[in-house]
Structure formats: C-alpha cells, structure tokens
Amino acid sequence: MKEATIHIADGKVDDIHFDGQEGVGIDAFLLITHRRNVEEGHFLAFGKSERMGKMLYNFYINCLRNDYWELGETLELVARDILEVAKAARGRPWPQEKERVEPIN
C-alpha cells in the first residue's frame, strides 16, 4: 500500500480508498499517529464508542490469531494500565465489575 485516503462528509466518515482504487463505505475509524522525533501525535476517532470498542477488541484478537504475540501482549499491558487509571480517577470500582450481591432468603 502506498496511499490511503479517508473521506469525511458533513462531519461523518464516508469511505476509504487504497492506492487510488474505488472507495468502500465505512462507518467508523480510529487513527493514531506518532510524529517523527517528537513526542506528539494525532488521535482521530469517528464512529460510535461501542463500535470503537469492538474495533479495538478485534484488533487484539487478530494480533493473537496472526501470531503478533508481542503486540497482543503490549495491548494487554495497556488495557491493565487503563483500568488502573480509570479506577483511581473514579475512586470506585470499574462500572463493568459486578458487585457481589448476597442472596435474600
């Protein structure tokens, strides 16, 4: 691949083209860059948060399936760090954690 172009129309993601080929429709994308020689980058996300979560999860699963173990392990470490920061920032358990409820007799 030499070139990728993403079109955004009216504030919504529209399609993506690779190497001048006909575009295919997309409803979400996540772009993360790191600039050369600078500790800065770009973070662009278009789409619903649920879709972003599914995309990140599928990215992780594909790393494992395609034998990219080092990247998969890095994602695991990052996920753990995110949860730790989220817990500290909220001062309470992560919302998805189930509280133990004692049975009522």
PDB file of N, CA and C in Angstrom:
ATOM      1  N   MET A   1       0.842  -1.169   0.000  1.00  0.00           N
ATOM      2  CA  MET A   1       0.000   0.000   0.000  1.00  0.00           C
ATOM      3  C   MET A   1       0.890   1.237   0.000  1.00  0.00           C
ATOM      4  N   LYS A   2       0.550   2.152  -0.888  1.00  0.00           N
ATOM      5  CA  LYS A   2       1.298   3.403  -0.970  1.00  0.00           C
ATOM      6  C   LYS A   2       0.498   4.576  -0.418  1.00  0.00           C
ATOM      7  N   GLU A   3      -0.835   4.507  -0.546  1.00  0.00           N
ATOM      8  CA  GLU A   3      -1.656   5.651  -0.133  1.00  0.00           C
ATOM      9  C   GLU A   3      -3.022   5.180   0.341  1.00  0.00           C
ATOM     10  N   ALA A   4      -3.483   5.788   1.415  1.00  0.00           N
ATOM     11  CA  ALA A   4      -4.836   5.546   1.917  1.00  0.00           C
ATOM     12  C   ALA A   4      -5.500   6.910   2.097  1.00  0.00           C
ATOM     13  N   THR A   5      -6.740   7.019   1.658  1.00  0.00           N
ATOM     14  CA  THR A   5      -7.488   8.266   1.765  1.00  0.00           C
ATOM     15  C   THR A   5      -8.830   7.975   2.420  1.00  0.00           C
ATOM     16  N   ILE A   6      -9.131   8.714   3.479  1.00  0.00           N
ATOM     17  CA  ILE A   6     -10.415   8.593   4.166  1.00  0.00           C
ATOM     18  C   ILE A   6     -11.198   9.868   3.894  1.00  0.00           C
ATOM     19  N   HIS A   7     -12.426   9.708   3.417  1.00  0.00           N
ATOM     20  CA  HIS A   7     -13.286  10.864   3.180  1.00  0.00           C
ATOM     21  C   HIS A   7     -14.269  11.034   4.342  1.00  0.00           C
ATOM     22  N   ILE A   8     -14.361  12.280   4.792  1.00  0.00           N
ATOM     23  CA  ILE A   8     -15.315  12.643   5.839  1.00  0.00           C
ATOM     24  C   ILE A   8     -16.256  13.655   5.214  1.00  0.00           C
ATOM     25  N   ALA A   9     -17.560  13.377   5.257  1.00  0.00           N
ATOM     26  CA  ALA A   9     -18.556  14.266   4.654  1.00  0.00           C
ATOM     27  C   ALA A   9     -19.566  14.686   5.715  1.00  0.00           C
ATOM     28  N   ASP A  10     -19.771  15.975   5.822  1.00  0.00           N
ATOM     29  CA  ASP A  10     -20.730  16.520   6.786  1.00  0.00           C
ATOM     30  C   ASP A  10     -20.459  16.036   8.203  1.00  0.00           C
ATOM     31  N   GLY A  11     -19.186  15.941   8.571  1.00  0.00           N
ATOM     32  CA  GLY A  11     -18.812  15.540   9.919  1.00  0.00           C
ATOM     33  C   GLY A  11     -18.939  14.057  10.204  1.00  0.00           C
ATOM     34  N   LYS A  12     -19.213  13.250   9.175  1.00  0.00           N
ATOM     35  CA  LYS A  12     -19.322  11.801   9.347  1.00  0.00           C
ATOM     36  C   LYS A  12     -18.375  11.109   8.382  1.00  0.00           C
ATOM     37  N   VAL A  13     -17.816  10.001   8.843  1.00  0.00           N
ATOM     38  CA  VAL A  13     -16.918   9.236   7.994  1.00  0.00           C
ATOM     39  C   VAL A  13     -17.727   8.641   6.843  1.00  0.00           C
ATOM     40  N   ASP A  14     -17.152   8.657   5.645  1.00  0.00           N
ATOM     41  CA  ASP A  14     -17.880   8.227   4.461  1.00  0.00           C
ATOM     42  C   ASP A  14     -17.284   6.973   3.835  1.00  0.00           C
ATOM     43  N   ASP A  15     -16.022   7.070   3.381  1.00  0.00           N
ATOM     44  CA  ASP A  15     -15.397   5.921   2.738  1.00  0.00           C
ATOM     45  C   ASP A  15     -13.890   5.990   2.835  1.00  0.00           C
ATOM     46  N   ILE A  16     -13.256   4.886   2.415  1.00  0.00           N
ATOM     47  CA  ILE A  16     -11.801   4.815   2.411  1.00  0.00           C
ATOM     48  C   ILE A  16     -11.355   4.252   1.068  1.00  0.00           C
ATOM     49  N   HIS A  17     -10.259   4.814   0.549  1.00  0.00           N
ATOM     50  CA  HIS A  17      -9.669   4.380  -0.720  1.00  0.00           C
ATOM     51  C   HIS A  17      -8.227   3.970  -0.455  1.00  0.00           C
ATOM     52  N   PHE A  18      -7.790   2.889  -1.103  1.00  0.00           N
ATOM     53  CA  PHE A  18      -6.402   2.459  -1.034  1.00  0.00           C
ATOM     54  C   PHE A  18      -5.799   2.508  -2.423  1.00  0.00           C
ATOM     55  N   ASP A  19      -4.673   3.197  -2.537  1.00  0.00           N
ATOM     56  CA  ASP A  19      -3.915   3.261  -3.789  1.00  0.00           C
ATOM     57  C   ASP A  19      -4.776   3.621  -4.991  1.00  0.00           C
ATOM     58  N   GLY A  20      -5.681   4.566  -4.831  1.00  0.00           N
ATOM     59  CA  GLY A  20      -6.493   5.050  -5.936  1.00  0.00           C
ATOM     60  C   GLY A  20      -7.616   4.130  -6.358  1.00  0.00           C
ATOM     61  N   GLN A  21      -7.812   3.019  -5.663  1.00  0.00           N
ATOM     62  CA  GLN A  21      -8.902   2.104  -6.003  1.00  0.00           C
ATOM     63  C   GLN A  21     -10.233   2.719  -5.590  1.00  0.00           C
ATOM     64  N   GLU A  22     -11.311   2.109  -6.065  1.00  0.00           N
ATOM     65  CA  GLU A  22     -12.647   2.572  -5.702  1.00  0.00           C
ATOM     66  C   GLU A  22     -12.822   2.479  -4.185  1.00  0.00           C
ATOM     67  N   GLY A  23     -13.476   3.471  -3.616  1.00  0.00           N
ATOM     68  CA  GLY A  23     -13.666   3.512  -2.179  1.00  0.00           C
ATOM     69  C   GLY A  23     -14.695   2.511  -1.685  1.00  0.00           C
ATOM     70  N   VAL A  24     -14.549   2.129  -0.439  1.00  0.00           N
ATOM     71  CA  VAL A  24     -15.529   1.284   0.225  1.00  0.00           C
ATOM     72  C   VAL A  24     -16.094   2.068   1.406  1.00  0.00           C
ATOM     73  N   GLY A  25     -17.400   1.938   1.624  1.00  0.00           N
ATOM     74  CA  GLY A  25     -18.043   2.657   2.700  1.00  0.00           C
ATOM     75  C   GLY A  25     -17.598   2.166   4.065  1.00  0.00           C
ATOM     76  N   ILE A  26     -17.394   3.090   4.979  1.00  0.00           N
ATOM     77  CA  ILE A  26     -17.048   2.751   6.362  1.00  0.00           C
ATOM     78  C   ILE A  26     -17.903   3.607   7.292  1.00  0.00           C
ATOM     79  N   ASP A  27     -18.166   3.085   8.479  1.00  0.00           N
ATOM     80  CA  ASP A  27     -18.954   3.849   9.437  1.00  0.00           C
ATOM     81  C   ASP A  27     -18.155   4.258  10.665  1.00  0.00           C
ATOM     82  N   ALA A  28     -16.877   3.851  10.728  1.00  0.00           N
ATOM     83  CA  ALA A  28     -16.037   4.227  11.862  1.00  0.00           C
ATOM     84  C   ALA A  28     -14.570   4.035  11.498  1.00  0.00           C
ATOM     85  N   PHE A  29     -13.709   4.824  12.138  1.00  0.00           N
ATOM     86  CA  PHE A  29     -12.279   4.592  12.032  1.00  0.00           C
ATOM     87  C   PHE A  29     -11.581   5.220  13.223  1.00  0.00           C
ATOM     88  N   LEU A  30     -10.404   4.685  13.504  1.00  0.00           N
ATOM     89  CA  LEU A  30      -9.562   5.178  14.586  1.00  0.00           C
ATOM     90  C   LEU A  30      -8.173   5.352  14.004  1.00  0.00           C
ATOM     91  N   LEU A  31      -7.637   6.551  14.088  1.00  0.00           N
ATOM     92  CA  LEU A  31      -6.309   6.840  13.560  1.00  0.00           C
ATOM     93  C   LEU A  31      -5.438   7.363  14.696  1.00  0.00           C
ATOM     94  N   ILE A  32      -4.324   6.698  14.913  1.00  0.00           N
ATOM     95  CA  ILE A  32      -3.367   7.123  15.939  1.00  0.00           C
ATOM     96  C   ILE A  32      -2.016   7.230  15.251  1.00  0.00           C
ATOM     97  N   THR A  33      -1.399   8.382  15.355  1.00  0.00           N
ATOM     98  CA  THR A  33      -0.082   8.566  14.746  1.00  0.00           C
ATOM     99  C   THR A  33       0.929   8.968  15.807  1.00  0.00           C
ATOM    100  N   HIS A  34       2.196   8.792  15.479  1.00  0.00           N
ATOM    101  CA  HIS A  34       3.290   9.284  16.307  1.00  0.00           C
ATOM    102  C   HIS A  34       4.252  10.010  15.379  1.00  0.00           C
ATOM    103  N   ARG A  35       4.483  11.284  15.656  1.00  0.00           N
ATOM    104  CA  ARG A  35       5.348  12.070  14.785  1.00  0.00           C
ATOM    105  C   ARG A  35       6.806  11.675  14.973  1.00  0.00           C
ATOM    106  N   ARG A  36       7.552  11.814  13.903  1.00  0.00           N
ATOM    107  CA  ARG A  36       8.990  11.532  13.964  1.00  0.00           C
ATOM    108  C   ARG A  36       9.687  12.553  14.842  1.00  0.00           C
ATOM    109  N   ASN A  37      10.577  12.060  15.694  1.00  0.00           N
ATOM    110  CA  ASN A  37      11.471  12.896  16.506  1.00  0.00           C
ATOM    111  C   ASN A  37      10.755  13.847  17.458  1.00  0.00           C
ATOM    112  N   VAL A  38       9.475  13.631  17.690  1.00  0.00           N
ATOM    113  CA  VAL A  38       8.707  14.492  18.594  1.00  0.00           C
ATOM    114  C   VAL A  38       7.771  13.593  19.391  1.00  0.00           C
ATOM    115  N   GLU A  39       7.609  13.864  20.663  1.00  0.00           N
ATOM    116  CA  GLU A  39       6.683  13.065  21.476  1.00  0.00           C
ATOM    117  C   GLU A  39       5.269  13.625  21.356  1.00  0.00           C
ATOM    118  N   GLU A  40       4.781  13.656  20.136  1.00  0.00           N
ATOM    119  CA  GLU A  40       3.432  14.121  19.850  1.00  0.00           C
ATOM    120  C   GLU A  40       2.838  13.237  18.764  1.00  0.00           C
ATOM    121  N   GLY A  41       1.543  13.356  18.589  1.00  0.00           N
ATOM    122  CA  GLY A  41       0.896  12.597  17.537  1.00  0.00           C
ATOM    123  C   GLY A  41      -0.506  13.116  17.296  1.00  0.00           C
ATOM    124  N   HIS A  42      -1.279  12.318  16.594  1.00  0.00           N
ATOM    125  CA  HIS A  42      -2.653  12.671  16.265  1.00  0.00           C
ATOM    126  C   HIS A  42      -3.573  11.555  16.741  1.00  0.00           C
ATOM    127  N   PHE A  43      -4.740  11.921  17.211  1.00  0.00           N
ATOM    128  CA  PHE A  43      -5.755  10.962  17.629  1.00  0.00           C
ATOM    129  C   PHE A  43      -7.072  11.385  17.002  1.00  0.00           C
ATOM    130  N   LEU A  44      -7.526  10.643  16.010  1.00  0.00           N
ATOM    131  CA  LEU A  44      -8.797  10.925  15.348  1.00  0.00           C
ATOM    132  C   LEU A  44      -9.691   9.707  15.479  1.00  0.00           C
ATOM    133  N   ALA A  45     -10.898   9.921  15.924  1.00  0.00           N
ATOM    134  CA  ALA A  45     -11.857   8.822  16.040  1.00  0.00           C
ATOM    135  C   ALA A  45     -13.200   9.296  15.516  1.00  0.00           C
ATOM    136  N   PHE A  46     -13.756   8.538  14.601  1.00  0.00           N
ATOM    137  CA  PHE A  46     -15.085   8.806  14.068  1.00  0.00           C
ATOM    138  C   PHE A  46     -15.891   7.527  14.204  1.00  0.00           C
ATOM    139  N   GLY A  47     -17.077   7.641  14.749  1.00  0.00           N
ATOM    140  CA  GLY A  47     -17.948   6.493  14.931  1.00  0.00           C
ATOM    141  C   GLY A  47     -18.430   6.417  16.366  1.00  0.00           C
ATOM    142  N   LYS A  48     -19.326   5.510  16.615  1.00  0.00           N
ATOM    143  CA  LYS A  48     -19.888   5.338  17.950  1.00  0.00           C
ATOM    144  C   LYS A  48     -18.882   4.642  18.857  1.00  0.00           C
ATOM    145  N   SER A  49     -18.950   4.962  20.158  1.00  0.00           N
ATOM    146  CA  SER A  49     -17.987   4.395  21.102  1.00  0.00           C
ATOM    147  C   SER A  49     -18.078   2.872  21.144  1.00  0.00           C
ATOM    148  N   GLU A  50     -19.276   2.309  21.027  1.00  0.00           N
ATOM    149  CA  GLU A  50     -19.413   0.856  21.031  1.00  0.00           C
ATOM    150  C   GLU A  50     -18.661   0.244  19.848  1.00  0.00           C
ATOM    151  N   ARG A  51     -18.759   0.879  18.687  1.00  0.00           N
ATOM    152  CA  ARG A  51     -18.049   0.399  17.507  1.00  0.00           C
ATOM    153  C   ARG A  51     -16.543   0.489  17.721  1.00  0.00           C
ATOM    154  N   MET A  52     -16.069   1.582  18.340  1.00  0.00           N
ATOM    155  CA  MET A  52     -14.630   1.729  18.612  1.00  0.00           C
ATOM    156  C   MET A  52     -14.146   0.595  19.508  1.00  0.00           C
ATOM    157  N   GLY A  53     -14.928   0.285  20.534  1.00  0.00           N
ATOM    158  CA  GLY A  53     -14.561  -0.805  21.432  1.00  0.00           C
ATOM    159  C   GLY A  53     -14.462  -2.128  20.704  1.00  0.00           C
ATOM    160  N   LYS A  54     -15.419  -2.400  19.843  1.00  0.00           N
ATOM    161  CA  LYS A  54     -15.395  -3.652  19.069  1.00  0.00           C
ATOM    162  C   LYS A  54     -14.189  -3.682  18.141  1.00  0.00           C
ATOM    163  N   MET A  55     -13.856  -2.548  17.556  1.00  0.00           N
ATOM    164  CA  MET A  55     -12.709  -2.492  16.644  1.00  0.00           C
ATOM    165  C   MET A  55     -11.408  -2.774  17.401  1.00  0.00           C
ATOM    166  N   LEU A  56     -11.251  -2.176  18.583  1.00  0.00           N
ATOM    167  CA  LEU A  56     -10.043  -2.400  19.372  1.00  0.00           C
ATOM    168  C   LEU A  56      -9.947  -3.855  19.826  1.00  0.00           C
ATOM    169  N   TYR A  57     -11.082  -4.409  20.244  1.00  0.00           N
ATOM    170  CA  TYR A  57     -11.101  -5.815  20.656  1.00  0.00           C
ATOM    171  C   TYR A  57     -10.728  -6.724  19.486  1.00  0.00           C
ATOM    172  N   ASN A  58     -11.313  -6.479  18.317  1.00  0.00           N
ATOM    173  CA  ASN A  58     -10.999  -7.288  17.137  1.00  0.00           C
ATOM    174  C   ASN A  58      -9.539  -7.134  16.717  1.00  0.00           C
ATOM    175  N   PHE A  59      -8.995  -5.940  16.886  1.00  0.00           N
ATOM    176  CA  PHE A  59      -7.578  -5.725  16.594  1.00  0.00           C
ATOM    177  C   PHE A  59      -6.729  -6.626  17.488  1.00  0.00           C
ATOM    178  N   TYR A  60      -7.059  -6.673  18.771  1.00  0.00           N
ATOM    179  CA  TYR A  60      -6.338  -7.528  19.714  1.00  0.00           C
ATOM    180  C   TYR A  60      -6.460  -9.004  19.314  1.00  0.00           C
ATOM    181  N   ILE A  61      -7.680  -9.462  19.039  1.00  0.00           N
ATOM    182  CA  ILE A  61      -7.907 -10.857  18.661  1.00  0.00           C
ATOM    183  C   ILE A  61      -7.123 -11.199  17.390  1.00  0.00           C
ATOM    184  N   ASN A  62      -7.106 -10.288  16.421  1.00  0.00           N
ATOM    185  CA  ASN A  62      -6.354 -10.534  15.183  1.00  0.00           C
ATOM    186  C   ASN A  62      -4.856 -10.613  15.438  1.00  0.00           C
ATOM    187  N   CYS A  63      -4.354  -9.844  16.400  1.00  0.00           N
ATOM    188  CA  CYS A  63      -2.933  -9.948  16.761  1.00  0.00           C
ATOM    189  C   CYS A  63      -2.625 -11.357  17.242  1.00  0.00           C
ATOM    190  N   LEU A  64      -3.507 -11.912  18.065  1.00  0.00           N
ATOM    191  CA  LEU A  64      -3.282 -13.268  18.576  1.00  0.00           C
ATOM    192  C   LEU A  64      -3.409 -14.309  17.469  1.00  0.00           C
ATOM    193  N   ARG A  65      -4.412 -14.167  16.631  1.00  0.00           N
ATOM    194  CA  ARG A  65      -4.637 -15.130  15.544  1.00  0.00           C
ATOM    195  C   ARG A  65      -3.509 -15.127  14.523  1.00  0.00           C
ATOM    196  N   ASN A  66      -2.961 -13.954  14.270  1.00  0.00           N
ATOM    197  CA  ASN A  66      -1.939 -13.821  13.236  1.00  0.00           C
ATOM    198  C   ASN A  66      -0.523 -13.903  13.784  1.00  0.00           C
ATOM    199  N   ASP A  67      -0.408 -14.368  15.015  1.00  0.00           N
ATOM    200  CA  ASP A  67       0.894 -14.601  15.629  1.00  0.00           C
ATOM    201  C   ASP A  67       1.699 -13.327  15.897  1.00  0.00           C
ATOM    202  N   TYR A  68       1.005 -12.226  16.124  1.00  0.00           N
ATOM    203  CA  TYR A  68       1.694 -10.982  16.523  1.00  0.00           C
ATOM    204  C   TYR A  68       1.665 -10.904  18.049  1.00  0.00           C
ATOM    205  N   TRP A  69       2.291 -11.905  18.698  1.00  0.00           N
ATOM    206  CA  TRP A  69       2.185 -12.034  20.151  1.00  0.00           C
ATOM    207  C   TRP A  69       2.725 -10.819  20.894  1.00  0.00           C
ATOM    208  N   GLU A  70       3.806 -10.231  20.413  1.00  0.00           N
ATOM    209  CA  GLU A  70       4.388  -9.088  21.116  1.00  0.00           C
ATOM    210  C   GLU A  70       3.397  -7.931  21.158  1.00  0.00           C
ATOM    211  N   LEU A  71       2.735  -7.643  20.049  1.00  0.00           N
ATOM    212  CA  LEU A  71       1.755  -6.566  20.016  1.00  0.00           C
ATOM    213  C   LEU A  71       0.551  -6.914  20.883  1.00  0.00           C
ATOM    214  N   GLY A  72       0.108  -8.164  20.828  1.00  0.00           N
ATOM    215  CA  GLY A  72      -1.004  -8.593  21.672  1.00  0.00           C
ATOM    216  C   GLY A  72      -0.691  -8.422  23.143  1.00  0.00           C
ATOM    217  N   GLU A  73       0.516  -8.806  23.552  1.00  0.00           N
ATOM    218  CA  GLU A  73       0.922  -8.648  24.952  1.00  0.00           C
ATOM    219  C   GLU A  73       1.011  -7.182  25.342  1.00  0.00           C
ATOM    220  N   THR A  74       1.462  -6.336  24.431  1.00  0.00           N
ATOM    221  CA  THR A  74       1.514  -4.894  24.705  1.00  0.00           C
ATOM    222  C   THR A  74       0.112  -4.347  24.928  1.00  0.00           C
ATOM    223  N   LEU A  75      -0.842  -4.775  24.103  1.00  0.00           N
ATOM    224  CA  LEU A  75      -2.224  -4.334  24.279  1.00  0.00           C
ATOM    225  C   LEU A  75      -2.781  -4.782  25.632  1.00  0.00           C
ATOM    226  N   GLU A  76      -2.416  -5.982  26.084  1.00  0.00           N
ATOM    227  CA  GLU A  76      -2.859  -6.464  27.384  1.00  0.00           C
ATOM    228  C   GLU A  76      -2.328  -5.578  28.504  1.00  0.00           C
ATOM    229  N   LEU A  77      -1.057  -5.197  28.416  1.00  0.00           N
ATOM    230  CA  LEU A  77      -0.473  -4.314  29.429  1.00  0.00           C
ATOM    231  C   LEU A  77      -1.148  -2.950  29.424  1.00  0.00           C
ATOM    232  N   VAL A  78      -1.418  -2.426  28.239  1.00  0.00           N
ATOM    233  CA  VAL A  78      -2.079  -1.127  28.125  1.00  0.00           C
ATOM    234  C   VAL A  78      -3.494  -1.197  28.708  1.00  0.00           C
ATOM    235  N   ALA A  79      -4.216  -2.279  28.418  1.00  0.00           N
ATOM    236  CA  ALA A  79      -5.573  -2.437  28.947  1.00  0.00           C
ATOM    237  C   ALA A  79      -5.554  -2.449  30.469  1.00  0.00           C
ATOM    238  N   ARG A  80      -4.598  -3.165  31.047  1.00  0.00           N
ATOM    239  CA  ARG A  80      -4.497  -3.203  32.511  1.00  0.00           C
ATOM    240  C   ARG A  80      -4.210  -1.807  33.069  1.00  0.00           C
ATOM    241  N   ASP A  81      -3.298  -1.083  32.433  1.00  0.00           N
ATOM    242  CA  ASP A  81      -2.977   0.271  32.889  1.00  0.00           C
ATOM    243  C   ASP A  81      -4.184   1.201  32.791  1.00  0.00           C
ATOM    244  N   ILE A  82      -4.957   1.074  31.709  1.00  0.00           N
ATOM    245  CA  ILE A  82      -6.155   1.903  31.536  1.00  0.00           C
ATOM    246  C   ILE A  82      -7.134   1.650  32.670  1.00  0.00           C
ATOM    247  N   LEU A  83      -7.360   0.381  33.006  1.00  0.00           N
ATOM    248  CA  LEU A  83      -8.284   0.053  34.097  1.00  0.00           C
ATOM    249  C   LEU A  83      -7.807   0.599  35.432  1.00  0.00           C
ATOM    250  N   GLU A  84      -6.510   0.520  35.700  1.00  0.00           N
ATOM    251  CA  GLU A  84      -5.972   1.049  36.950  1.00  0.00           C
ATOM    252  C   GLU A  84      -6.154   2.564  37.030  1.00  0.00           C
ATOM    253  N   VAL A  85      -5.889   3.263  35.960  1.00  0.00           N
ATOM    254  CA  VAL A  85      -6.065   4.721  35.938  1.00  0.00           C
ATOM    255  C   VAL A  85      -7.543   5.081  36.096  1.00  0.00           C
ATOM    256  N   ALA A  86      -8.411   4.336  35.410  1.00  0.00           N
ATOM    257  CA  ALA A  86      -9.848   4.605  35.499  1.00  0.00           C
ATOM    258  C   ALA A  86     -10.356   4.413  36.917  1.00  0.00           C
ATOM    259  N   LYS A  87      -9.932   3.351  37.582  1.00  0.00           N
ATOM    260  CA  LYS A  87     -10.354   3.101  38.957  1.00  0.00           C
ATOM    261  C   LYS A  87      -9.900   4.236  39.874  1.00  0.00           C
ATOM    262  N   ALA A  88      -8.660   4.646  39.724  1.00  0.00           N
ATOM    263  CA  ALA A  88      -8.130   5.717  40.569  1.00  0.00           C
ATOM    264  C   ALA A  88      -8.848   7.034  40.307  1.00  0.00           C
ATOM    265  N   ALA A  89      -9.132   7.315  39.054  1.00  0.00           N
ATOM    266  CA  ALA A  89      -9.790   8.574  38.703  1.00  0.00           C
ATOM    267  C   ALA A  89     -11.216   8.623  39.239  1.00  0.00           C
ATOM    268  N   ARG A  90     -11.883   7.486  39.259  1.00  0.00           N
ATOM    269  CA  ARG A  90     -13.267   7.430  39.718  1.00  0.00           C
ATOM    270  C   ARG A  90     -13.360   7.231  41.222  1.00  0.00           C
ATOM    271  N   GLY A  91     -12.305   6.709  41.820  1.00  0.00           N
ATOM    272  CA  GLY A  91     -12.323   6.437  43.244  1.00  0.00           C
ATOM    273  C   GLY A  91     -13.302   5.330  43.617  1.00  0.00           C
ATOM    274  N   ARG A  92     -13.637   4.516  42.649  1.00  0.00           N
ATOM    275  CA  ARG A  92     -14.571   3.413  42.905  1.00  0.00           C
ATOM    276  C   ARG A  92     -14.318   2.324  41.873  1.00  0.00           C
ATOM    277  N   PRO A  93     -14.933   1.150  42.053  1.00  0.00           N
ATOM    278  CA  PRO A  93     -14.704   0.060  41.097  1.00  0.00           C
ATOM    279  C   PRO A  93     -15.143   0.430  39.695  1.00  0.00           C
ATOM    280  N   TRP A  94     -14.514  -0.218  38.748  1.00  0.00           N
ATOM    281  CA  TRP A  94     -14.863  -0.039  37.338  1.00  0.00           C
ATOM    282  C   TRP A  94     -16.330  -0.411  37.145  1.00  0.00           C
ATOM    283  N   PRO A  95     -17.124   0.375  36.401  1.00  0.00           N
ATOM    284  CA  PRO A  95     -18.560   0.127  36.276  1.00  0.00           C
ATOM    285  C   PRO A  95     -18.935  -1.273  35.795  1.00  0.00           C
ATOM    286  N   GLN A  96     -18.114  -1.909  34.985  1.00  0.00           N
ATOM    287  CA  GLN A  96     -18.461  -3.229  34.476  1.00  0.00           C
ATOM    288  C   GLN A  96     -18.254  -4.335  35.507  1.00  0.00           C
ATOM    289  N   GLU A  97     -17.526  -4.029  36.594  1.00  0.00           N
ATOM    290  CA  GLU A  97     -17.321  -5.042  37.613  1.00  0.00           C
ATOM    291  C   GLU A  97     -18.629  -5.282  38.345  1.00  0.00           C
ATOM    292  N   LYS A  98     -18.974  -6.515  38.510  1.00  0.00           N
ATOM    293  CA  LYS A  98     -20.215  -6.852  39.188  1.00  0.00           C
ATOM    294  C   LYS A  98     -19.984  -6.827  40.694  1.00  0.00           C
ATOM    295  N   GLU A  99     -20.830  -6.121  41.397  1.00  0.00           N
ATOM    296  CA  GLU A  99     -20.789  -6.129  42.850  1.00  0.00           C
ATOM    297  C   GLU A  99     -21.394  -7.450  43.315  1.00  0.00           C
ATOM    298  N   ARG A 100     -20.813  -8.035  44.314  1.00  0.00           N
ATOM    299  CA  ARG A 100     -21.378  -9.281  44.854  1.00  0.00           C
ATOM    300  C   ARG A 100     -22.632  -8.949  45.633  1.00  0.00           C
ATOM    301  N   VAL A 101     -23.677  -9.616  45.307  1.00  0.00           N
ATOM    302  CA  VAL A 101     -24.952  -9.420  45.995  1.00  0.00           C
ATOM    303  C   VAL A 101     -25.261 -10.692  46.749  1.00  0.00           C
ATOM    304  N   GLU A 102     -25.509 -10.556  48.025  1.00  0.00           N
ATOM    305  CA  GLU A 102     -25.851 -11.717  48.847  1.00  0.00           C
ATOM    306  C   GLU A 102     -27.287 -12.107  48.567  1.00  0.00           C
ATOM    307  N   PRO A 103     -27.545 -13.410  48.481  1.00  0.00           N
ATOM    308  CA  PRO A 103     -28.926 -13.854  48.231  1.00  0.00           C
ATOM    309  C   PRO A 103     -29.849 -13.472  49.376  1.00  0.00           C
ATOM    310  N   ILE A 104     -31.078 -13.138  49.048  1.00  0.00           N
ATOM    311  CA  ILE A 104     -32.069 -12.805  50.056  1.00  0.00           C
ATOM    312  C   ILE A 104     -32.917 -14.050  50.297  1.00  0.00           C
ATOM    313  N   ASN A 105     -32.994 -14.470  51.557  1.00  0.00           N
ATOM    314  CA  ASN A 105     -33.803 -15.661  51.886  1.00  0.00           C
ATOM    315  C   ASN A 105     -35.187 -15.266  52.310  1.00  0.00           C
TER     316      ASN A 105
END
